[in-house]
PDB file of N, CA and C in Angstrom:
ATOM      1  N   UNK A   1     -13.812  24.414   2.518  1.00  0.00           N
ATOM      2  CA  UNK A   1     -14.168  23.236   2.619  1.00  0.00           C
ATOM      3  C   UNK A   1     -13.388  22.849   1.931  1.00  0.00           C
ATOM      4  N   UNK A   2     -12.651  23.336   1.051  1.00  0.00           N
ATOM      5  CA  UNK A   2     -12.095  22.313  -0.770  1.00  0.00           C
ATOM      6  C   UNK A   2     -10.949  21.705   0.648  1.00  0.00           C
ATOM      7  N   UNK A   3     -10.190  22.779   1.135  1.00  0.00           N
ATOM      8  CA  UNK A   3      -9.045  22.165   2.246  1.00  0.00           C
ATOM      9  C   UNK A   3      -8.900  21.010   3.102  1.00  0.00           C
ATOM     10  N   UNK A   4     -10.572  21.061   3.402  1.00  0.00           N
ATOM     11  CA  UNK A   4     -10.823  20.229   4.783  1.00  0.00           C
ATOM     12  C   UNK A   4     -11.431  18.570   3.955  1.00  0.00           C
ATOM     13  N   UNK A   5     -11.678  18.501   2.808  1.00  0.00           N
ATOM     14  CA  UNK A   5     -12.330  17.410   2.064  1.00  0.00           C
ATOM     15  C   UNK A   5     -11.641  16.198   2.187  1.00  0.00           C
ATOM     16  N   UNK A   6      -9.923  16.855   2.073  1.00  0.00           N
ATOM     17  CA  UNK A   6      -8.811  15.213   1.588  1.00  0.00           C
ATOM     18  C   UNK A   6      -8.601  14.832   3.641  1.00  0.00           C
ATOM     19  N   UNK A   7      -8.664  15.865   4.260  1.00  0.00           N
ATOM     20  CA  UNK A   7      -8.718  15.403   5.666  1.00  0.00           C
ATOM     21  C   UNK A   7     -10.005  14.342   5.885  1.00  0.00           C
ATOM     22  N   UNK A   8     -11.120  14.686   6.039  1.00  0.00           N
ATOM     23  CA  UNK A   8     -12.039  14.078   5.665  1.00  0.00           C
ATOM     24  C   UNK A   8     -12.467  13.087   5.681  1.00  0.00           C
ATOM     25  N   UNK A   9     -11.988  12.909   3.991  1.00  0.00           N
ATOM     26  CA  UNK A   9     -11.798  11.480   3.850  1.00  0.00           C
ATOM     27  C   UNK A   9     -10.786  10.714   4.270  1.00  0.00           C
ATOM     28  N   UNK A  10      -9.431  10.939   4.978  1.00  0.00           N
ATOM     29  CA  UNK A  10      -8.440  10.225   5.308  1.00  0.00           C
ATOM     30  C   UNK A  10      -9.190   9.682   6.606  1.00  0.00           C
ATOM     31  N   UNK A  11     -10.201  10.768   7.591  1.00  0.00           N
ATOM     32  CA  UNK A  11      -9.942   9.977   8.611  1.00  0.00           C
ATOM     33  C   UNK A  11     -11.842   9.345   8.864  1.00  0.00           C
ATOM     34  N   UNK A  12     -12.383   8.899   7.596  1.00  0.00           N
ATOM     35  CA  UNK A  12     -13.187   8.503   7.508  1.00  0.00           C
ATOM     36  C   UNK A  12     -13.331   6.848   6.706  1.00  0.00           C
ATOM     37  N   UNK A  13     -11.910   7.059   5.996  1.00  0.00           N
ATOM     38  CA  UNK A  13     -11.277   5.731   5.707  1.00  0.00           C
ATOM     39  C   UNK A  13     -10.529   5.017   6.912  1.00  0.00           C
ATOM     40  N   UNK A  14      -9.511   5.935   7.584  1.00  0.00           N
ATOM     41  CA  UNK A  14      -9.175   5.223   8.626  1.00  0.00           C
ATOM     42  C   UNK A  14     -10.134   4.895   9.900  1.00  0.00           C
ATOM     43  N   UNK A  15     -11.026   5.878  10.220  1.00  0.00           N
ATOM     44  CA  UNK A  15     -11.929   4.437  11.210  1.00  0.00           C
ATOM     45  C   UNK A  15     -12.439   3.866  10.731  1.00  0.00           C
ATOM     46  N   UNK A  16     -13.063   3.587   9.256  1.00  0.00           N
ATOM     47  CA  UNK A  16     -13.481   2.320   9.099  1.00  0.00           C
ATOM     48  C   UNK A  16     -12.849   1.374   8.683  1.00  0.00           C
ATOM     49  N   UNK A  17     -11.557   1.836   9.199  1.00  0.00           N
ATOM     50  CA  UNK A  17     -10.813   0.379   8.875  1.00  0.00           C
ATOM     51  C   UNK A  17     -10.590   0.243  10.351  1.00  0.00           C
ATOM     52  N   UNK A  18     -10.331   0.971  11.490  1.00  0.00           N
ATOM     53  CA  UNK A  18     -10.084   0.666  12.334  1.00  0.00           C
ATOM     54  C   UNK A  18     -11.562  -0.353  13.260  1.00  0.00           C
ATOM     55  N   UNK A  19     -12.413   0.535  12.651  1.00  0.00           N
ATOM     56  CA  UNK A  19     -13.700  -0.130  13.306  1.00  0.00           C
ATOM     57  C   UNK A  19     -13.783  -1.694  12.522  1.00  0.00           C
ATOM     58  N   UNK A  20     -13.737  -1.896  11.599  1.00  0.00           N
ATOM     59  CA  UNK A  20     -13.315  -3.515  11.256  1.00  0.00           C
ATOM     60  C   UNK A  20     -12.388  -4.678  11.665  1.00  0.00           C
ATOM     61  N   UNK A  21     -11.040  -3.692  11.635  1.00  0.00           N
ATOM     62  CA  UNK A  21      -9.978  -4.441  12.649  1.00  0.00           C
ATOM     63  C   UNK A  21     -10.505  -4.801  13.886  1.00  0.00           C
ATOM     64  N   UNK A  22     -11.296  -3.380  14.493  1.00  0.00           N
ATOM     65  CA  UNK A  22     -11.736  -3.729  16.054  1.00  0.00           C
ATOM     66  C   UNK A  22     -13.130  -5.044  16.024  1.00  0.00           C
ATOM     67  N   UNK A  23     -13.439  -4.784  15.257  1.00  0.00           N
ATOM     68  CA  UNK A  23     -14.610  -5.897  15.459  1.00  0.00           C
ATOM     69  C   UNK A  23     -14.085  -7.353  14.883  1.00  0.00           C
ATOM     70  N   UNK A  24     -13.173  -7.192  13.866  1.00  0.00           N
ATOM     71  CA  UNK A  24     -12.371  -8.578  13.978  1.00  0.00           C
ATOM     72  C   UNK A  24     -11.513  -9.578  15.195  1.00  0.00           C
ATOM     73  N   UNK A  25     -11.104  -8.065  15.399  1.00  0.00           N
ATOM     74  CA  UNK A  25     -10.537  -8.816  16.818  1.00  0.00           C
ATOM     75  C   UNK A  25     -11.318  -9.215  18.296  1.00  0.00           C
ATOM     76  N   UNK A  26     -12.228  -8.475  17.890  1.00  0.00           N
ATOM     77  CA  UNK A  26     -13.290  -8.775  19.376  1.00  0.00           C
ATOM     78  C   UNK A  26     -13.655  -9.836  18.985  1.00  0.00           C
ATOM     79  N   UNK A  27     -14.202 -10.304  17.880  1.00  0.00           N
ATOM     80  CA  UNK A  27     -15.195 -11.921  17.697  1.00  0.00           C
ATOM     81  C   UNK A  27     -13.785 -12.848  17.708  1.00  0.00           C
ATOM     82  N   UNK A  28     -12.322 -12.344  17.176  1.00  0.00           N
ATOM     83  CA  UNK A  28     -11.679 -13.662  17.539  1.00  0.00           C
ATOM     84  C   UNK A  28     -11.589 -13.698  19.530  1.00  0.00           C
ATOM     85  N   UNK A  29     -11.863 -12.971  19.815  1.00  0.00           N
ATOM     86  CA  UNK A  29     -11.461 -12.494  21.238  1.00  0.00           C
ATOM     87  C   UNK A  29     -13.162 -13.574  22.242  1.00  0.00           C
ATOM     88  N   UNK A  30     -13.496 -13.388  21.679  1.00  0.00           N
ATOM     89  CA  UNK A  30     -15.085 -14.097  22.125  1.00  0.00           C
ATOM     90  C   UNK A  30     -15.151 -15.335  21.543  1.00  0.00           C
ATOM     91  N   UNK A  31     -14.289 -15.743  20.829  1.00  0.00           N
ATOM     92  CA  UNK A  31     -14.091 -17.217  19.865  1.00  0.00           C
ATOM     93  C   UNK A  31     -15.005 -17.324  19.052  1.00  0.00           C
ATOM     94  N   UNK A  32     -15.704 -15.826  18.309  1.00  0.00           N
ATOM     95  CA  UNK A  32     -16.419 -16.688  17.366  1.00  0.00           C
ATOM     96  C   UNK A  32     -15.897 -17.118  16.458  1.00  0.00           C
ATOM     97  N   UNK A  33     -14.578 -16.034  15.928  1.00  0.00           N
ATOM     98  CA  UNK A  33     -13.697 -17.247  14.957  1.00  0.00           C
ATOM     99  C   UNK A  33     -12.380 -17.439  15.480  1.00  0.00           C
ATOM    100  N   UNK A  34     -11.956 -18.215  14.976  1.00  0.00           N
ATOM    101  CA  UNK A  34     -10.300 -18.678  15.770  1.00  0.00           C
ATOM    102  C   UNK A  34      -9.579 -17.758  15.548  1.00  0.00           C
ATOM    103  N   UNK A  35      -7.742 -17.682  15.604  1.00  0.00           N
ATOM    104  CA  UNK A  35      -7.014 -16.816  15.548  1.00  0.00           C
ATOM    105  C   UNK A  35      -6.558 -16.774  14.383  1.00  0.00           C
ATOM    106  N   UNK A  36      -6.533 -18.176  14.065  1.00  0.00           N
ATOM    107  CA  UNK A  36      -6.352 -18.300  12.193  1.00  0.00           C
ATOM    108  C   UNK A  36      -7.355 -17.465  11.513  1.00  0.00           C
ATOM    109  N   UNK A  37      -8.348 -17.798  11.393  1.00  0.00           N
ATOM    110  CA  UNK A  37      -9.103 -16.567  10.391  1.00  0.00           C
ATOM    111  C   UNK A  37      -9.357 -15.594  10.686  1.00  0.00           C
ATOM    112  N   UNK A  38      -9.122 -14.683  12.062  1.00  0.00           N
ATOM    113  CA  UNK A  38      -8.534 -13.482  12.211  1.00  0.00           C
ATOM    114  C   UNK A  38      -7.727 -13.117  11.794  1.00  0.00           C
ATOM    115  N   UNK A  39      -6.895 -13.554  11.707  1.00  0.00           N
ATOM    116  CA  UNK A  39      -5.551 -13.092  10.861  1.00  0.00           C
ATOM    117  C   UNK A  39      -5.464 -12.819   9.228  1.00  0.00           C
ATOM    118  N   UNK A  40      -5.907 -13.938   9.465  1.00  0.00           N
ATOM    119  CA  UNK A  40      -6.050 -14.480   7.728  1.00  0.00           C
ATOM    120  C   UNK A  40      -7.093 -12.944   7.499  1.00  0.00           C
ATOM    121  N   UNK A  41      -8.778 -12.688   7.833  1.00  0.00           N
ATOM    122  CA  UNK A  41      -9.149 -11.758   7.754  1.00  0.00           C
ATOM    123  C   UNK A  41      -8.617 -10.093   7.996  1.00  0.00           C
ATOM    124  N   UNK A  42      -7.663  -9.547   8.860  1.00  0.00           N
ATOM    125  CA  UNK A  42      -6.887  -9.016   9.409  1.00  0.00           C
ATOM    126  C   UNK A  42      -6.070  -8.618   7.989  1.00  0.00           C
ATOM    127  N   UNK A  43      -5.293  -9.602   7.836  1.00  0.00           N
ATOM    128  CA  UNK A  43      -4.490  -9.563   5.968  1.00  0.00           C
ATOM    129  C   UNK A  43      -5.022  -9.425   5.199  1.00  0.00           C
ATOM    130  N   UNK A  44      -6.334  -9.762   4.605  1.00  0.00           N
ATOM    131  CA  UNK A  44      -7.252  -9.336   3.982  1.00  0.00           C
ATOM    132  C   UNK A  44      -7.693  -7.944   3.785  1.00  0.00           C
ATOM    133  N   UNK A  45      -7.923  -7.862   4.723  1.00  0.00           N
ATOM    134  CA  UNK A  45      -8.525  -6.600   5.274  1.00  0.00           C
ATOM    135  C   UNK A  45      -7.583  -5.123   4.421  1.00  0.00           C
ATOM    136  N   UNK A  46      -6.228  -5.347   5.506  1.00  0.00           N
ATOM    137  CA  UNK A  46      -5.183  -4.522   5.114  1.00  0.00           C
ATOM    138  C   UNK A  46      -5.180  -4.793   3.525  1.00  0.00           C
ATOM    139  N   UNK A  47      -4.851  -5.922   2.805  1.00  0.00           N
ATOM    140  CA  UNK A  47      -4.886  -5.874   1.204  1.00  0.00           C
ATOM    141  C   UNK A  47      -6.021  -5.125   0.436  1.00  0.00           C
ATOM    142  N   UNK A  48      -7.152  -5.421   1.156  1.00  0.00           N
ATOM    143  CA  UNK A  48      -8.581  -4.687   0.311  1.00  0.00           C
ATOM    144  C   UNK A  48      -7.919  -2.931   0.781  1.00  0.00           C
ATOM    145  N   UNK A  49      -7.999  -2.455   1.241  1.00  0.00           N
ATOM    146  CA  UNK A  49      -7.396  -0.999   1.535  1.00  0.00           C
ATOM    147  C   UNK A  49      -6.013  -0.874   0.947  1.00  0.00           C
ATOM    148  N   UNK A  50      -5.336  -1.585   0.510  1.00  0.00           N
ATOM    149  CA  UNK A  50      -3.913  -1.098   0.177  1.00  0.00           C
ATOM    150  C   UNK A  50      -4.573  -1.097  -0.965  1.00  0.00           C
ATOM    151  N   UNK A  51      -4.895  -2.003  -1.901  1.00  0.00           N
ATOM    152  CA  UNK A  51      -5.378  -2.363  -3.036  1.00  0.00           C
ATOM    153  C   UNK A  51      -6.316  -1.233  -3.783  1.00  0.00           C
ATOM    154  N   UNK A  52      -7.295  -1.296  -3.021  1.00  0.00           N
ATOM    155  CA  UNK A  52      -8.055   0.346  -3.392  1.00  0.00           C
ATOM    156  C   UNK A  52      -7.560   1.286  -3.380  1.00  0.00           C
ATOM    157  N   UNK A  53      -6.792   1.474  -2.693  1.00  0.00           N
ATOM    158  CA  UNK A  53      -6.187   2.817  -2.526  1.00  0.00           C
ATOM    159  C   UNK A  53      -5.495   2.888  -3.551  1.00  0.00           C
ATOM    160  N   UNK A  54      -4.446   2.068  -3.811  1.00  0.00           N
ATOM    161  CA  UNK A  54      -3.675   2.220  -5.501  1.00  0.00           C
ATOM    162  C   UNK A  54      -4.432   2.385  -6.205  1.00  0.00           C
ATOM    163  N   UNK A  55      -5.370   1.301  -6.354  1.00  0.00           N
ATOM    164  CA  UNK A  55      -6.264   2.057  -7.919  1.00  0.00           C
ATOM    165  C   UNK A  55      -7.276   3.477  -7.659  1.00  0.00           C
ATOM    166  N   UNK A  56      -7.457   3.964  -6.653  1.00  0.00           N
ATOM    167  CA  UNK A  56      -8.035   5.045  -6.399  1.00  0.00           C
ATOM    168  C   UNK A  56      -6.882   6.171  -6.960  1.00  0.00           C
ATOM    169  N   UNK A  57      -5.625   5.908  -6.380  1.00  0.00           N
ATOM    170  CA  UNK A  57      -4.611   7.051  -6.823  1.00  0.00           C
ATOM    171  C   UNK A  57      -4.129   6.810  -8.304  1.00  0.00           C
ATOM    172  N   UNK A  58      -4.097   5.398  -9.126  1.00  0.00           N
ATOM    173  CA  UNK A  58      -3.717   5.356 -10.034  1.00  0.00           C
ATOM    174  C   UNK A  58      -4.998   6.372 -11.198  1.00  0.00           C
ATOM    175  N   UNK A  59      -6.176   6.317 -10.558  1.00  0.00           N
ATOM    176  CA  UNK A  59      -6.915   6.812 -11.103  1.00  0.00           C
ATOM    177  C   UNK A  59      -7.130   8.145 -11.117  1.00  0.00           C
ATOM    178  N   UNK A  60      -6.664   8.595 -10.053  1.00  0.00           N
ATOM    179  CA  UNK A  60      -6.668  10.101  -9.886  1.00  0.00           C
ATOM    180  C   UNK A  60      -5.137  10.927 -11.177  1.00  0.00           C
ATOM    181  N   UNK A  61      -4.015  10.317 -10.654  1.00  0.00           N
ATOM    182  CA  UNK A  61      -3.427  10.145 -11.605  1.00  0.00           C
ATOM    183  C   UNK A  61      -3.673  10.521 -13.424  1.00  0.00           C
ATOM    184  N   UNK A  62      -3.955   9.183 -13.527  1.00  0.00           N
ATOM    185  CA  UNK A  62      -4.452   8.985 -14.897  1.00  0.00           C
ATOM    186  C   UNK A  62      -5.454  10.127 -15.316  1.00  0.00           C
ATOM    187  N   UNK A  63      -6.189  11.172 -14.704  1.00  0.00           N
ATOM    188  CA  UNK A  63      -7.352  11.904 -14.599  1.00  0.00           C
ATOM    189  C   UNK A  63      -6.799  13.210 -14.794  1.00  0.00           C
ATOM    190  N   UNK A  64      -5.487  13.396 -13.912  1.00  0.00           N
ATOM    191  CA  UNK A  64      -4.981  14.938 -14.477  1.00  0.00           C
ATOM    192  C   UNK A  64      -3.787  14.655 -15.720  1.00  0.00           C
ATOM    193  N   UNK A  65      -3.860  13.450 -16.110  1.00  0.00           N
ATOM    194  CA  UNK A  65      -2.990  13.314 -16.879  1.00  0.00           C
ATOM    195  C   UNK A  65      -3.211  13.237 -18.220  1.00  0.00           C
ATOM    196  N   UNK A  66      -5.043  13.291 -18.569  1.00  0.00           N
ATOM    197  CA  UNK A  66      -5.838  13.317 -19.205  1.00  0.00           C
ATOM    198  C   UNK A  66      -6.477  14.908 -19.453  1.00  0.00           C
ATOM    199  N   UNK A  67      -6.591  15.586 -18.323  1.00  0.00           N
ATOM    200  CA  UNK A  67      -6.662  16.545 -18.276  1.00  0.00           C
ATOM    201  C   UNK A  67      -5.359  18.003 -18.801  1.00  0.00           C
ATOM    202  N   UNK A  68      -4.455  17.738 -18.289  1.00  0.00           N
ATOM    203  CA  UNK A  68      -3.602  17.784 -19.123  1.00  0.00           C
ATOM    204  C   UNK A  68      -3.169  18.243 -20.788  1.00  0.00           C
ATOM    205  N   UNK A  69      -3.582  16.815 -21.168  1.00  0.00           N
ATOM    206  CA  UNK A  69      -3.334  16.480 -22.712  1.00  0.00           C
ATOM    207  C   UNK A  69      -4.593  17.175 -23.317  1.00  0.00           C
ATOM    208  N   UNK A  70      -5.542  17.871 -23.039  1.00  0.00           N
ATOM    209  CA  UNK A  70      -7.000  18.175 -23.613  1.00  0.00           C
ATOM    210  C   UNK A  70      -6.819  19.722 -23.355  1.00  0.00           C
TER     211      UNK A  70
END
């Protein structure tokens, strides 16, 4: 199970990203939101995923460095 855990997390993150992106695109297609707002929302979604991914990566790196120090 330990080897499959990162793959399951990656699949869950990828699935949630795709689901939110599809929801934004469908909303734009149904003219619930404008095309410009949809583009802005997609850019913000990508930024959130990259930003939080970066923060999680830094956190894990710091944890490894701290464990190595002790």
